[in-house]
N, C-alpha and C. Protein backbone atom coordinates (compact mmCIF):
# COMPACT_ATOMS: atom_id res chain seq x y z
N MET A 1 134.36 89.11 96.82
CA MET A 1 133.40 90.16 97.03
C MET A 1 131.98 89.60 97.00
N VAL A 2 131.73 88.68 96.06
CA VAL A 2 130.40 88.08 95.94
C VAL A 2 130.07 87.28 97.20
N LYS A 3 131.05 86.53 97.72
CA LYS A 3 130.83 85.74 98.94
C LYS A 3 130.51 86.65 100.12
N THR A 4 131.17 87.80 100.21
CA THR A 4 130.92 88.75 101.28
C THR A 4 129.50 89.29 101.18
N LEU A 5 129.06 89.60 99.98
CA LEU A 5 127.70 90.08 99.78
C LEU A 5 126.67 89.01 100.11
N GLN A 6 126.96 87.76 99.76
CA GLN A 6 126.05 86.67 100.08
C GLN A 6 125.94 86.51 101.59
N LEU A 7 127.06 86.54 102.30
CA LEU A 7 127.06 86.41 103.74
C LEU A 7 126.28 87.56 104.37
N PHE A 8 126.49 88.78 103.88
CA PHE A 8 125.76 89.93 104.39
C PHE A 8 124.26 89.74 104.19
N PHE A 9 123.87 89.24 103.03
CA PHE A 9 122.46 89.00 102.74
C PHE A 9 121.88 87.98 103.72
N TYR A 10 122.60 86.88 103.99
CA TYR A 10 122.11 85.85 104.90
C TYR A 10 121.98 86.39 106.32
N VAL A 11 122.95 87.15 106.77
CA VAL A 11 122.88 87.74 108.11
C VAL A 11 121.71 88.72 108.18
N LEU A 12 121.49 89.48 107.12
CA LEU A 12 120.38 90.42 107.08
C LEU A 12 119.04 89.69 107.17
N VAL A 13 118.91 88.59 106.43
CA VAL A 13 117.67 87.80 106.46
C VAL A 13 117.45 87.22 107.85
N ILE A 14 118.50 86.70 108.46
CA ILE A 14 118.38 86.13 109.80
C ILE A 14 118.00 87.21 110.81
N SER A 15 118.62 88.37 110.70
CA SER A 15 118.30 89.48 111.61
C SER A 15 116.85 89.91 111.45
N PHE A 16 116.39 89.98 110.22
CA PHE A 16 115.01 90.36 109.97
C PHE A 16 114.07 89.31 110.54
N THR A 17 114.39 88.03 110.36
CA THR A 17 113.55 86.96 110.88
C THR A 17 113.48 87.02 112.40
N LEU A 18 114.60 87.26 113.05
CA LEU A 18 114.60 87.36 114.51
C LEU A 18 113.84 88.59 114.98
N GLY A 19 113.89 89.65 114.22
CA GLY A 19 113.18 90.87 114.58
C GLY A 19 111.69 90.73 114.50
N CYS A 20 111.21 89.78 113.71
CA CYS A 20 109.77 89.56 113.55
C CYS A 20 109.21 88.63 114.61
N ALA A 21 110.04 87.98 115.40
CA ALA A 21 109.56 87.06 116.43
C ALA A 21 108.97 87.85 117.58
N SER A 22 108.04 87.23 118.30
CA SER A 22 107.45 87.91 119.45
C SER A 22 108.47 87.99 120.57
N ASN A 23 108.25 88.86 121.54
CA ASN A 23 109.20 89.05 122.64
C ASN A 23 109.43 87.79 123.43
N SER A 24 108.43 86.92 123.55
CA SER A 24 108.60 85.69 124.31
C SER A 24 109.53 84.71 123.60
N GLU A 25 109.72 84.88 122.29
CA GLU A 25 110.56 83.97 121.54
C GLU A 25 112.01 84.45 121.44
N VAL A 26 112.27 85.70 121.71
CA VAL A 26 113.61 86.27 121.53
C VAL A 26 114.37 86.20 122.84
N ASN A 27 115.58 85.64 122.78
CA ASN A 27 116.44 85.60 123.96
C ASN A 27 116.94 87.01 124.26
N ASN A 28 117.55 87.18 125.42
CA ASN A 28 118.11 88.48 125.77
C ASN A 28 119.22 88.88 124.81
N GLU A 29 119.90 87.89 124.24
CA GLU A 29 120.98 88.15 123.31
C GLU A 29 120.60 87.61 121.95
N SER A 30 120.65 88.42 120.93
CA SER A 30 120.32 87.98 119.58
C SER A 30 121.46 87.16 119.01
N PRO A 31 121.18 85.91 118.53
CA PRO A 31 122.26 85.09 117.98
C PRO A 31 122.94 85.72 116.76
N ALA A 32 122.21 86.52 116.00
CA ALA A 32 122.79 87.14 114.81
C ALA A 32 123.93 88.09 115.17
N LEU A 33 123.89 88.67 116.36
CA LEU A 33 124.94 89.58 116.78
C LEU A 33 126.24 88.84 117.10
N ASN A 34 126.13 87.57 117.49
CA ASN A 34 127.30 86.78 117.87
C ASN A 34 127.71 85.81 116.77
N LEU A 35 127.21 85.99 115.57
CA LEU A 35 127.47 85.06 114.47
C LEU A 35 128.93 85.12 114.03
N THR A 36 129.57 83.96 114.02
CA THR A 36 130.91 83.83 113.48
C THR A 36 130.77 83.33 112.06
N ALA A 37 131.20 84.12 111.10
CA ALA A 37 131.04 83.77 109.68
C ALA A 37 132.03 82.69 109.27
N CYS A 38 131.57 81.78 108.43
CA CYS A 38 132.46 80.77 107.84
C CYS A 38 133.23 81.41 106.70
N LYS A 39 134.49 81.09 106.60
CA LYS A 39 135.34 81.69 105.57
C LYS A 39 135.78 80.64 104.56
N ASP A 40 136.05 81.09 103.36
CA ASP A 40 136.58 80.22 102.32
C ASP A 40 138.09 80.34 102.31
N PRO A 41 138.85 79.32 102.06
CA PRO A 41 138.39 77.97 101.77
C PRO A 41 137.86 77.28 103.03
N ARG A 42 136.90 76.40 102.85
CA ARG A 42 136.29 75.67 103.96
C ARG A 42 137.26 74.64 104.52
N PRO A 43 137.17 74.36 105.84
CA PRO A 43 138.06 73.35 106.42
C PRO A 43 137.78 71.96 105.84
N GLN A 44 138.83 71.21 105.63
CA GLN A 44 138.69 69.84 105.14
C GLN A 44 139.01 68.81 106.22
N ILE A 45 139.74 69.25 107.26
CA ILE A 45 140.10 68.37 108.37
C ILE A 45 139.84 69.13 109.66
N CYS A 46 139.13 68.50 110.61
CA CYS A 46 138.85 69.10 111.91
C CYS A 46 139.24 68.13 113.01
N THR A 47 139.58 68.64 114.19
CA THR A 47 139.90 67.79 115.33
C THR A 47 138.62 67.13 115.84
N ARG A 48 138.80 65.99 116.52
CA ARG A 48 137.65 65.28 117.08
C ARG A 48 137.44 65.76 118.51
N GLU A 49 136.56 66.70 118.67
CA GLU A 49 136.21 67.22 119.99
C GLU A 49 134.74 67.60 119.94
N TYR A 50 134.16 67.88 121.10
CA TYR A 50 132.77 68.29 121.14
C TYR A 50 132.66 69.58 121.92
N ASN A 51 132.48 70.66 121.21
CA ASN A 51 132.25 71.99 121.76
C ASN A 51 131.12 72.56 120.91
N PRO A 52 129.86 72.20 121.22
CA PRO A 52 128.74 72.42 120.30
C PRO A 52 128.54 73.88 119.88
N VAL A 53 128.17 74.02 118.61
CA VAL A 53 127.83 75.31 118.04
C VAL A 53 126.49 75.18 117.32
N CYS A 54 125.84 76.30 117.13
CA CYS A 54 124.58 76.33 116.40
C CYS A 54 124.86 76.92 115.03
N GLY A 55 124.87 76.07 114.01
CA GLY A 55 125.15 76.50 112.65
C GLY A 55 123.94 77.12 111.99
N VAL A 56 124.15 78.21 111.26
CA VAL A 56 123.09 78.87 110.51
C VAL A 56 123.26 78.50 109.05
N LEU A 57 122.25 77.83 108.48
CA LEU A 57 122.32 77.39 107.11
C LEU A 57 121.86 78.49 106.15
N LYS A 58 122.14 78.34 104.87
CA LYS A 58 121.78 79.33 103.85
C LYS A 58 120.29 79.63 103.84
N ASP A 59 119.46 78.63 104.13
CA ASP A 59 118.01 78.83 104.11
C ASP A 59 117.47 79.42 105.40
N GLY A 60 118.37 79.72 106.36
CA GLY A 60 117.98 80.34 107.62
C GLY A 60 117.69 79.34 108.73
N SER A 61 117.70 78.05 108.42
CA SER A 61 117.46 77.05 109.45
C SER A 61 118.72 76.87 110.29
N LEU A 62 118.56 76.20 111.43
CA LEU A 62 119.65 76.01 112.37
C LEU A 62 119.97 74.53 112.51
N LYS A 63 121.26 74.22 112.75
CA LYS A 63 121.69 72.83 112.93
C LYS A 63 122.86 72.80 113.89
N THR A 64 122.76 71.99 114.94
CA THR A 64 123.84 71.86 115.91
C THR A 64 124.99 71.07 115.30
N GLY A 65 126.20 71.58 115.49
CA GLY A 65 127.41 70.91 115.02
C GLY A 65 128.35 70.67 116.18
N ALA A 66 129.29 69.75 116.01
CA ALA A 66 130.23 69.41 117.08
C ALA A 66 131.17 70.57 117.41
N THR A 67 131.65 71.27 116.38
CA THR A 67 132.54 72.43 116.56
C THR A 67 132.28 73.41 115.43
N GLY A 68 132.85 74.58 115.54
CA GLY A 68 132.77 75.55 114.45
C GLY A 68 133.43 75.04 113.19
N CYS A 69 134.52 74.31 113.37
CA CYS A 69 135.23 73.74 112.22
C CYS A 69 134.35 72.76 111.47
N THR A 70 133.71 71.83 112.19
CA THR A 70 132.87 70.84 111.51
C THR A 70 131.64 71.47 110.89
N SER A 71 131.10 72.49 111.53
CA SER A 71 129.94 73.18 110.93
C SER A 71 130.34 73.90 109.66
N CYS A 72 131.44 74.63 109.70
CA CYS A 72 131.87 75.40 108.52
C CYS A 72 132.41 74.53 107.40
N SER A 73 132.67 73.26 107.66
CA SER A 73 133.12 72.38 106.59
C SER A 73 131.99 72.09 105.60
N SER A 74 130.75 72.33 106.02
CA SER A 74 129.60 72.15 105.12
C SER A 74 129.38 73.43 104.31
N PRO A 75 129.24 73.33 103.00
CA PRO A 75 129.01 74.53 102.19
C PRO A 75 127.65 75.18 102.43
N ASP A 76 126.73 74.47 103.10
CA ASP A 76 125.40 75.02 103.38
C ASP A 76 125.38 75.94 104.60
N VAL A 77 126.43 75.90 105.42
CA VAL A 77 126.50 76.70 106.64
C VAL A 77 127.17 78.03 106.34
N VAL A 78 126.51 79.14 106.73
CA VAL A 78 127.10 80.47 106.51
C VAL A 78 127.82 81.00 107.73
N GLY A 79 127.47 80.48 108.91
CA GLY A 79 128.10 80.92 110.15
C GLY A 79 127.56 80.13 111.32
N TYR A 80 128.04 80.46 112.53
CA TYR A 80 127.59 79.73 113.72
C TYR A 80 127.70 80.62 114.94
N THR A 81 126.97 80.21 115.98
CA THR A 81 127.07 80.83 117.30
C THR A 81 127.47 79.74 118.27
N MET A 82 128.09 80.10 119.38
CA MET A 82 128.53 79.12 120.37
C MET A 82 127.33 78.54 121.10
N GLY A 83 127.39 77.25 121.38
CA GLY A 83 126.32 76.54 122.08
C GLY A 83 125.41 75.83 121.11
N ALA A 84 124.79 74.76 121.61
CA ALA A 84 123.87 73.98 120.78
C ALA A 84 122.62 74.80 120.44
N CYS A 85 122.00 74.47 119.34
CA CYS A 85 120.76 75.16 118.94
C CYS A 85 119.65 74.85 119.94
N GLN A 86 118.82 75.82 120.18
CA GLN A 86 117.69 75.64 121.10
C GLN A 86 116.46 75.18 120.38
């Protein structure tokens, strides 16, 4: 339950941050709407492939990962969207 509340808080913060950006900075599609949440237990083994995702870290920063699996293996990542970070 605590993890769910933490994830909700992070998504809320990200949504608020995106809402404060000027129109020229916001894409037609908000990344927060397409966020795939990382679940516990975190993956310990991932396949070696490259299908880039944009990981959302706890502090709200973004980091490109090779796959959703590799991004979610880090405890600092709360979720990801498909495609490399812009």
